[in-house]
Amino acid sequence: MTKISIALLFLLFSISASSQSLDDINTMMEKKQFKEAKAGIDKHIADPKNSGKADGYYFKGRIYNALSYDKATPPVEAYDLKLQSFEAFKKNQEMDAKDLRLKVEGYKSYLDLYYGLYDLGATFYNDKTFDKAFNAFSNALTVKDYILKKDYSFADAKIYPLDTSLVLNAAISAMQSKNDEGAVENYKKLTDGNVSGEAYMEVYEYMVDHYSKKGDADNLKIVLDKAKMYYPKNEFWTSLELDNVRKKGDEALLFAKYEEMMAANPTNFIVPYNYGIELFNSIYGKDAKHSSDDAYKTKLTTILKAAIANDKGIDATVLLTKHLYNMSSDLSIASNLAKGTTPEVVKKRANLVAQTGKQMDEFLVYAVQASTYFDAQPTLKPAQKGSYQELLTNMSEIYNFKKDVKKATELDKKRAGL
């Protein structure tokens, strides 16, 4: 951003006075006696003979802005001086149909106010006075919009309709000061302007969350579509969409949404993993609805294997071992319950025994993978330790069932040593 030296501005655009009083004030300005000049211009404008003349307000704008840069001027006072300077310049233009004063200087006083308010916003922000930062950034935007509305241009500076950094600063300041309305107003400028890039991802998260909580389905869809296009790997959109569907209480609709998301992003881990958790709870949870549904059990196996393919950790594998262990236990119990010597019962029991063995073998494949992972960790978190102990218990039981007492004993010792 190109900045303007206020001192240079005074040299380039000297003020020609039309009365002795303004001559005196101009002399004070040239000597950088800005406090004295402010008192002088205030007195000048207070005189009924001068209050209706445009020149005094141009002087006021220049003097007030100059005083705002004085190192002795506190930021809060500097901010107020700049706002009054802005109003004084506008009043000068309203009163002077030919707009001589500002035209001669190339309207650079407005550009200086724009930059100056921007800098004050940064000062307030760094001081953590976020409400004041928001006000300063917002008024910098107001001055910027005024410049664009008037179609002023500058050889050494380019003013853009959407100053993304300034808008973002205003939004963040509003958010930090708990001003949700101000945050939404400015974040919306960025999403409406299709701004993207890593620095703006949280903008879309904020707006998606805002419209979701507000129940504004139309605006939510607009911003969510953009968010998924610009940041397809962000799991926030996925979680929020699923939460919205989950709130409807329709399990079939929720599972269909999971299927849709998996098809749209086959390399995603979190979607199939969370889908697996939903299915697991629907089969084995406290309020299980599908504990006897083989189709759901088969679906769970498929979904968790899809999650494992993209899992950088071991969570999906551990969940699959729990599922496969439960299935093998159910098959084992079913085979024991198949009593009788008729050909049909004998055949059924034989099939169940074979399925039990196959299920146990599949369990062990994934159990060994999980065990290897846990063994490779320098330390285990409490939750990981609990999962590993459960896994080792289940593995021991399976090996005992298979008559491999030696292996079962080894696993029991390992579990005891955790």
Protein backbone atom coordinates (compact mmCIF):
# COMPACT_ATOMS: atom_id res chain seq x y z
CA MET A 1 0.00 0.00 0.00
CA THR A 2 1.48 3.38 -1.01
CA LYS A 3 1.30 5.90 1.80
CA ILE A 4 1.18 9.68 1.55
CA SER A 5 3.30 11.94 3.71
CA ILE A 6 0.94 14.46 5.29
CA ALA A 7 3.80 16.94 5.48
CA LEU A 8 4.42 16.51 1.76
CA LEU A 9 0.73 17.05 1.14
CA PHE A 10 0.96 20.44 2.82
CA LEU A 11 3.90 21.43 0.66
CA LEU A 12 2.33 20.30 -2.58
CA PHE A 13 -1.03 21.86 -2.01
CA SER A 14 -0.59 25.10 -0.09
CA ILE A 15 -3.71 26.90 0.97
CA SER A 16 -4.34 30.36 -0.39
CA ALA A 17 -6.23 32.32 2.22
CA SER A 18 -9.06 34.73 1.52
CA SER A 19 -8.91 36.65 4.78
CA GLN A 20 -6.41 37.69 7.40
CA SER A 21 -7.77 35.08 9.77
CA LEU A 22 -7.18 32.27 7.29
CA ASP A 23 -3.77 33.71 6.45
CA ASP A 24 -2.83 33.43 10.11
CA ILE A 25 -4.13 29.89 10.28
CA ASN A 26 -2.24 28.98 7.14
CA THR A 27 0.95 30.32 8.70
CA MET A 28 0.35 28.12 11.75
CA MET A 29 0.01 25.12 9.49
CA GLU A 30 3.22 25.89 7.68
CA LYS A 31 4.93 26.03 11.08
CA LYS A 32 3.19 22.74 12.02
CA GLN A 33 1.45 24.46 14.91
CA PHE A 34 -1.57 22.23 14.43
CA LYS A 35 -3.16 22.66 17.87
CA GLU A 36 -3.08 26.41 17.49
CA ALA A 37 -4.38 26.08 13.94
CA LYS A 38 -7.27 23.91 15.17
CA ALA A 39 -8.25 26.50 17.76
CA GLY A 40 -8.03 29.16 15.08
CA ILE A 41 -10.18 27.36 12.52
CA ASP A 42 -12.77 26.43 15.14
CA LYS A 43 -13.04 30.10 16.09
CA HIS A 44 -13.14 31.13 12.44
CA ILE A 45 -16.03 28.78 11.57
CA ALA A 46 -17.92 29.72 14.76
CA ASP A 47 -18.10 33.29 13.47
CA PRO A 48 -21.50 33.66 11.72
CA LYS A 49 -19.77 35.65 8.97
CA ASN A 50 -17.67 32.60 8.04
CA SER A 51 -19.87 29.60 8.86
CA GLY A 52 -21.45 29.65 5.41
CA LYS A 53 -18.18 29.81 3.48
CA ALA A 54 -16.63 26.69 1.97
CA ASP A 55 -12.95 27.58 2.51
CA GLY A 56 -13.15 27.29 6.28
CA TYR A 57 -14.27 23.68 6.08
CA TYR A 58 -11.43 22.78 3.78
CA PHE A 59 -9.05 24.32 6.31
CA LYS A 60 -10.76 22.37 9.06
CA GLY A 61 -10.40 19.09 7.19
CA ARG A 62 -6.70 19.64 6.57
CA ILE A 63 -5.94 20.86 10.08
CA TYR A 64 -7.87 18.15 11.89
CA ASN A 65 -6.25 15.42 9.79
CA ALA A 66 -2.80 16.91 10.34
CA LEU A 67 -3.34 17.07 14.10
CA SER A 68 -4.39 13.39 14.09
CA TYR A 69 -0.81 12.52 13.08
CA ASP A 70 0.76 14.40 15.98
CA LYS A 71 2.62 11.90 18.19
CA ALA A 72 1.08 13.56 21.24
CA THR A 73 -2.44 12.85 19.96
CA PRO A 74 -3.89 9.66 21.52
CA PRO A 75 -5.26 7.14 18.98
CA VAL A 76 -8.85 7.59 20.18
CA GLU A 77 -8.61 11.35 19.66
CA ALA A 78 -6.82 10.84 16.32
CA TYR A 79 -9.70 8.65 15.18
CA ASP A 80 -12.26 11.31 16.08
CA LEU A 81 -10.20 14.01 14.35
CA LYS A 82 -10.10 11.98 11.14
CA LEU A 83 -13.85 11.47 11.15
CA GLN A 84 -14.41 15.19 11.63
CA SER A 85 -11.87 15.89 8.89
CA PHE A 86 -13.81 13.63 6.50
CA GLU A 87 -17.07 15.42 7.26
CA ALA A 88 -15.41 18.82 6.85
CA PHE A 89 -14.06 17.94 3.40
CA LYS A 90 -17.47 16.71 2.29
CA LYS A 91 -19.10 19.89 3.57
CA ASN A 92 -16.54 21.97 1.70
CA GLN A 93 -17.53 20.21 -1.52
CA GLU A 94 -21.23 20.67 -0.82
CA MET A 95 -20.73 24.38 -0.34
CA ASP A 96 -18.31 24.90 -3.25
CA ALA A 97 -20.01 23.99 -6.52
CA LYS A 98 -16.68 24.29 -8.38
CA ASP A 99 -14.90 22.03 -5.86
CA LEU A 100 -11.73 24.09 -6.26
CA ARG A 101 -9.80 23.25 -3.12
CA LEU A 102 -9.89 19.45 -3.29
CA LYS A 103 -9.68 19.38 -7.06
CA VAL A 104 -6.39 21.32 -6.99
CA GLU A 105 -4.83 18.79 -4.62
CA GLY A 106 -6.16 15.86 -6.64
CA TYR A 107 -8.42 14.72 -3.77
CA LYS A 108 -5.43 13.26 -2.00
CA SER A 109 -6.79 14.32 1.38
CA TYR A 110 -9.40 11.58 1.02
CA LEU A 111 -6.73 9.05 0.11
CA ASP A 112 -4.74 10.05 3.17
CA LEU A 113 -7.80 9.62 5.40
CA TYR A 114 -8.38 6.17 3.93
CA TYR A 115 -4.84 5.06 4.73
CA GLY A 116 -4.81 6.84 8.07
CA LEU A 117 -7.99 5.17 9.32
CA TYR A 118 -6.64 1.84 8.10
CA ASP A 119 -3.50 2.35 10.18
CA LEU A 120 -5.49 3.41 13.23
CA GLY A 121 -7.53 0.23 12.92
CA ALA A 122 -4.30 -1.77 13.05
CA THR A 123 -3.16 0.21 16.10
CA PHE A 124 -6.40 -0.48 17.96
CA TYR A 125 -6.30 -4.13 16.95
CA ASN A 126 -2.76 -4.57 18.24
CA ASP A 127 -3.88 -2.94 21.49
CA LYS A 128 -6.74 -5.49 21.60
CA THR A 129 -9.38 -2.76 21.62
CA PHE A 130 -11.29 -4.67 18.96
CA ASP A 131 -14.45 -2.56 18.98
CA LYS A 132 -12.40 0.55 18.18
CA ALA A 133 -10.45 -1.38 15.55
CA PHE A 134 -13.72 -2.39 13.91
CA ASN A 135 -14.92 1.22 13.86
CA ALA A 136 -11.66 2.47 12.35
CA PHE A 137 -11.55 -0.24 9.67
CA SER A 138 -15.23 0.33 8.89
CA ASN A 139 -14.72 4.05 8.43
CA ALA A 140 -11.68 3.40 6.24
CA LEU A 141 -14.06 1.38 4.07
CA THR A 142 -16.54 4.28 4.12
CA VAL A 143 -13.89 6.70 2.86
CA LYS A 144 -12.79 4.16 0.26
CA ASP A 145 -16.35 3.77 -1.00
CA TYR A 146 -16.73 7.55 -1.14
CA ILE A 147 -13.59 7.81 -3.29
CA LEU A 148 -14.92 5.17 -5.67
CA LYS A 149 -18.37 6.73 -5.78
CA LYS A 150 -16.84 10.04 -6.78
CA ASP A 151 -14.64 8.24 -9.31
CA TYR A 152 -11.44 9.83 -7.99
CA SER A 153 -8.19 8.29 -9.22
CA PHE A 154 -4.59 8.67 -8.14
CA ALA A 155 -1.39 8.23 -10.09
CA ASP A 156 0.45 6.63 -7.16
CA ALA A 157 -2.33 4.47 -5.70
CA LYS A 158 -4.99 2.07 -6.92
CA ILE A 159 -8.25 1.82 -5.00
CA TYR A 160 -10.15 -1.43 -5.46
CA PRO A 161 -13.90 -1.89 -4.99
CA LEU A 162 -13.16 -4.84 -2.70
CA ASP A 163 -10.20 -4.24 -0.43
CA THR A 164 -10.02 -7.83 0.78
CA SER A 165 -7.46 -7.25 3.54
CA LEU A 166 -9.34 -4.29 4.96
CA VAL A 167 -12.69 -6.08 4.86
CA LEU A 168 -11.15 -9.13 6.51
CA ASN A 169 -9.63 -6.97 9.24
CA ALA A 170 -13.00 -5.32 9.86
CA ALA A 171 -14.72 -8.71 10.07
CA ILE A 172 -12.15 -10.22 12.43
CA SER A 173 -12.27 -7.14 14.66
CA ALA A 174 -16.06 -7.38 14.78
CA MET A 175 -15.89 -11.06 15.64
CA GLN A 176 -13.32 -10.42 18.38
CA SER A 177 -15.57 -7.75 19.88
CA LYS A 178 -18.60 -10.11 19.78
CA ASN A 179 -20.20 -7.99 17.08
CA ASP A 180 -21.77 -10.79 15.04
CA GLU A 181 -23.69 -8.44 12.80
CA GLY A 182 -20.53 -6.56 11.83
CA ALA A 183 -18.64 -9.81 11.25
CA VAL A 184 -21.36 -11.25 9.01
CA GLU A 185 -21.72 -8.00 7.06
CA ASN A 186 -18.03 -7.95 6.17
CA TYR A 187 -17.50 -11.69 5.71
CA LYS A 188 -20.44 -11.66 3.31
CA LYS A 189 -18.62 -9.09 1.17
CA LEU A 190 -15.81 -11.60 0.76
CA THR A 191 -17.99 -14.63 0.00
CA ASP A 192 -20.17 -12.59 -2.36
CA GLY A 193 -16.97 -11.47 -4.07
CA ASN A 194 -15.87 -15.12 -4.47
CA VAL A 195 -12.64 -14.45 -2.60
CA SER A 196 -10.67 -17.62 -1.94
CA GLY A 197 -7.27 -18.77 -0.76
CA GLU A 198 -5.98 -20.34 2.43
CA ALA A 199 -6.29 -17.09 4.40
CA TYR A 200 -10.02 -16.93 3.72
CA MET A 201 -11.08 -20.49 4.56
CA GLU A 202 -12.26 -19.46 8.03
CA VAL A 203 -14.45 -16.81 6.40
CA TYR A 204 -16.49 -19.53 4.73
CA GLU A 205 -16.54 -21.61 7.92
CA TYR A 206 -17.96 -18.64 9.81
CA MET A 207 -20.63 -17.92 7.21
CA VAL A 208 -21.63 -21.55 6.79
CA ASP A 209 -21.97 -21.89 10.55
CA HIS A 210 -23.90 -18.62 10.75
CA TYR A 211 -26.48 -19.55 8.12
CA SER A 212 -26.80 -23.05 9.52
CA LYS A 213 -27.59 -21.80 13.03
CA LYS A 214 -29.93 -19.19 11.60
CA GLY A 215 -31.77 -21.79 9.58
CA ASP A 216 -31.28 -19.77 6.38
CA ALA A 217 -31.29 -22.66 3.91
CA ASP A 218 -31.06 -20.52 0.76
CA ASN A 219 -27.99 -18.53 1.81
CA LEU A 220 -26.46 -21.61 3.39
CA LYS A 221 -26.60 -23.47 0.09
CA ILE A 222 -25.03 -20.55 -1.79
CA VAL A 223 -22.06 -20.17 0.55
CA LEU A 224 -21.69 -23.91 1.18
CA ASP A 225 -21.45 -24.65 -2.54
CA LYS A 226 -18.66 -22.07 -2.82
CA ALA A 227 -16.94 -23.39 0.30
CA LYS A 228 -16.87 -26.96 -0.99
CA MET A 229 -15.59 -25.76 -4.36
CA TYR A 230 -12.74 -23.67 -2.91
CA TYR A 231 -11.86 -25.97 0.01
CA PRO A 232 -12.94 -29.50 -0.95
CA LYS A 233 -10.74 -31.18 1.68
CA ASN A 234 -12.13 -29.23 4.62
CA GLU A 235 -14.10 -31.61 6.84
CA PHE A 236 -16.12 -28.77 8.36
CA TRP A 237 -18.60 -28.69 5.47
CA THR A 238 -19.07 -32.44 5.70
CA SER A 239 -19.69 -32.41 9.45
CA LEU A 240 -22.13 -29.55 9.24
CA GLU A 241 -24.14 -31.06 6.38
CA LEU A 242 -24.38 -34.36 8.21
CA ASP A 243 -25.38 -32.65 11.45
CA ASN A 244 -28.17 -30.83 9.63
CA VAL A 245 -29.46 -34.10 8.17
CA ARG A 246 -29.07 -35.88 11.52
CA LYS A 247 -31.28 -33.29 13.21
CA LYS A 248 -34.16 -34.42 11.02
CA GLY A 249 -34.13 -37.77 12.80
CA ASP A 250 -34.41 -39.83 9.60
CA GLU A 251 -31.78 -42.59 9.71
CA ALA A 252 -32.36 -43.66 6.11
CA LEU A 253 -31.86 -40.07 4.94
CA LEU A 254 -28.69 -39.76 7.03
CA PHE A 255 -27.19 -42.98 5.68
CA ALA A 256 -28.09 -41.94 2.13
CA LYS A 257 -26.21 -38.66 2.73
CA TYR A 258 -23.15 -40.61 3.85
CA GLU A 259 -23.32 -42.71 0.69
CA GLU A 260 -23.60 -39.58 -1.43
CA MET A 261 -20.57 -38.01 0.24
CA MET A 262 -18.48 -41.15 -0.08
CA ALA A 263 -19.25 -41.33 -3.79
CA ALA A 264 -18.34 -37.66 -4.23
CA ASN A 265 -15.00 -38.00 -2.43
CA PRO A 266 -13.75 -41.62 -2.42
CA THR A 267 -10.38 -40.70 -0.87
CA ASN A 268 -11.95 -39.14 2.21
CA PHE A 269 -11.41 -40.87 5.56
CA ILE A 270 -13.67 -39.09 8.01
CA VAL A 271 -16.92 -39.67 6.09
CA PRO A 272 -16.74 -43.48 5.91
CA TYR A 273 -15.30 -43.65 9.42
CA ASN A 274 -18.16 -41.62 10.91
CA TYR A 275 -20.59 -43.59 8.78
CA GLY A 276 -19.06 -46.73 10.27
CA ILE A 277 -19.61 -45.40 13.79
CA GLU A 278 -23.26 -44.65 12.97
CA LEU A 279 -23.75 -48.16 11.58
CA PHE A 280 -21.88 -49.78 14.48
CA ASN A 281 -24.13 -48.03 17.01
CA SER A 282 -27.23 -49.00 15.03
CA ILE A 283 -26.14 -52.67 15.32
CA TYR A 284 -24.43 -52.88 18.71
CA GLY A 285 -25.45 -49.71 20.52
CA LYS A 286 -27.75 -49.28 23.50
CA ASP A 287 -30.75 -48.51 21.30
CA ALA A 288 -29.67 -50.74 18.40
CA LYS A 289 -32.26 -51.06 15.66
CA HIS A 290 -30.42 -53.51 13.43
CA SER A 291 -28.80 -56.02 15.78
CA SER A 292 -30.20 -58.93 13.76
CA ASP A 293 -29.89 -57.43 10.30
CA ASP A 294 -27.15 -59.20 8.33
CA ALA A 295 -27.36 -56.63 5.54
CA TYR A 296 -26.37 -53.85 7.94
CA LYS A 297 -23.51 -55.95 9.30
CA THR A 298 -22.19 -56.61 5.81
CA LYS A 299 -22.53 -52.90 4.99
CA LEU A 300 -20.57 -52.00 8.13
CA THR A 301 -17.70 -54.28 7.09
CA THR A 302 -17.59 -52.68 3.65
CA ILE A 303 -17.73 -49.12 4.97
CA LEU A 304 -14.99 -49.64 7.55
CA LYS A 305 -12.69 -51.21 4.96
CA ALA A 306 -13.24 -48.11 2.81
CA ALA A 307 -12.28 -45.94 5.79
CA ILE A 308 -9.16 -48.04 6.49
CA ALA A 309 -7.96 -47.44 2.93
CA ASN A 310 -7.63 -43.72 3.74
CA ASP A 311 -6.82 -43.94 7.46
CA LYS A 312 -3.46 -42.56 8.51
CA GLY A 313 -4.02 -43.91 12.01
CA ILE A 314 -5.62 -47.05 13.40
CA ASP A 315 -9.10 -45.99 14.55
CA ALA A 316 -11.03 -47.53 11.66
CA THR A 317 -9.08 -50.78 11.97
CA VAL A 318 -9.79 -51.03 15.70
CA LEU A 319 -13.49 -50.45 15.10
CA LEU A 320 -13.51 -53.14 12.42
CA THR A 321 -11.88 -55.63 14.81
CA LYS A 322 -14.67 -55.01 17.31
CA HIS A 323 -17.27 -55.60 14.61
CA LEU A 324 -15.58 -58.78 13.29
CA TYR A 325 -15.13 -60.12 16.81
CA ASN A 326 -18.83 -59.56 17.54
CA MET A 327 -19.80 -61.27 14.30
CA SER A 328 -17.60 -64.28 14.99
CA SER A 329 -19.02 -64.53 18.51
CA ASP A 330 -22.58 -64.38 17.18
CA LEU A 331 -21.80 -67.12 14.64
CA SER A 332 -20.16 -69.27 17.30
CA ILE A 333 -23.19 -68.93 19.55
CA ALA A 334 -25.51 -69.71 16.67
CA SER A 335 -23.57 -72.88 15.82
CA ASN A 336 -23.81 -74.04 19.44
CA LEU A 337 -27.54 -73.43 19.42
CA ALA A 338 -28.00 -75.54 16.29
CA LYS A 339 -28.89 -78.75 18.19
CA GLY A 340 -30.02 -81.97 16.59
CA THR A 341 -28.87 -84.74 14.27
CA THR A 342 -31.12 -84.28 11.27
CA PRO A 343 -29.31 -83.67 7.96
CA GLU A 344 -30.64 -80.12 7.81
CA VAL A 345 -29.42 -79.24 11.30
CA VAL A 346 -26.05 -80.95 10.78
CA LYS A 347 -25.57 -79.01 7.55
CA LYS A 348 -26.60 -75.75 9.16
CA ARG A 349 -24.22 -76.29 12.08
CA ALA A 350 -21.35 -77.14 9.76
CA ASN A 351 -21.96 -73.96 7.75
CA LEU A 352 -22.05 -71.87 10.92
CA VAL A 353 -18.80 -73.42 12.19
CA ALA A 354 -17.13 -72.72 8.84
CA GLN A 355 -18.39 -69.12 8.85
CA THR A 356 -17.19 -68.69 12.44
CA GLY A 357 -13.69 -69.84 11.51
CA LYS A 358 -13.62 -67.58 8.45
CA GLN A 359 -14.81 -64.60 10.49
CA MET A 360 -12.22 -65.28 13.19
CA ASP A 361 -9.46 -65.44 10.59
CA GLU A 362 -10.54 -62.11 9.14
CA PHE A 363 -10.66 -60.64 12.64
CA LEU A 364 -7.08 -61.74 13.29
CA VAL A 365 -5.81 -60.12 10.08
CA TYR A 366 -6.96 -56.69 11.23
CA ALA A 367 -6.24 -57.38 14.90
CA VAL A 368 -2.58 -58.06 14.09
CA GLN A 369 -2.41 -54.81 12.09
CA ALA A 370 -3.82 -52.86 15.04
CA SER A 371 -1.54 -54.63 17.53
CA THR A 372 1.51 -53.87 15.40
CA TYR A 373 0.52 -50.21 15.28
CA PHE A 374 0.05 -49.97 19.04
CA ASP A 375 3.36 -51.75 19.71
CA ALA A 376 5.16 -49.20 17.52
CA GLN A 377 3.94 -46.19 19.54
CA PRO A 378 6.41 -44.71 22.06
CA THR A 379 3.57 -44.13 24.51
CA LEU A 380 -0.15 -44.82 24.46
CA LYS A 381 -2.83 -42.36 25.47
CA PRO A 382 -5.34 -43.67 28.03
CA ALA A 383 -7.99 -44.23 25.35
CA GLN A 384 -5.49 -46.06 23.14
CA LYS A 385 -4.35 -48.20 26.05
CA GLY A 386 -7.96 -49.16 26.79
CA SER A 387 -8.58 -50.07 23.15
CA TYR A 388 -5.40 -52.13 23.01
CA GLN A 389 -6.27 -54.04 26.19
CA GLU A 390 -9.70 -54.87 24.79
CA LEU A 391 -8.14 -55.95 21.50
CA LEU A 392 -5.63 -58.23 23.23
CA THR A 393 -8.42 -59.79 25.29
CA ASN A 394 -10.43 -60.52 22.15
CA MET A 395 -7.38 -61.90 20.33
CA SER A 396 -6.61 -64.19 23.27
CA GLU A 397 -10.14 -65.56 23.26
CA ILE A 398 -9.98 -66.24 19.51
CA TYR A 399 -6.64 -68.09 19.83
CA ASN A 400 -8.01 -70.12 22.74
CA PHE A 401 -11.00 -71.02 20.60
CA LYS A 402 -8.57 -72.14 17.89
CA LYS A 403 -6.67 -74.26 20.48
CA ASP A 404 -3.55 -72.08 20.19
CA VAL A 405 -2.93 -71.83 23.94
CA LYS A 406 0.66 -70.64 23.55
CA LYS A 407 -0.35 -67.60 21.52
CA ALA A 408 -3.25 -66.84 23.84
CA THR A 409 -0.89 -66.94 26.84
CA GLU A 410 1.55 -64.54 25.15
CA LEU A 411 -1.26 -62.07 24.53
CA ASP A 412 -2.47 -62.34 28.12
CA LYS A 413 1.04 -61.49 29.39
CA LYS A 414 1.28 -58.54 27.03
CA ARG A 415 -2.07 -57.21 28.22
CA ALA A 416 -1.02 -57.58 31.87
CA GLY A 417 2.15 -55.60 31.16
CA LEU A 418 0.41 -52.55 29.68
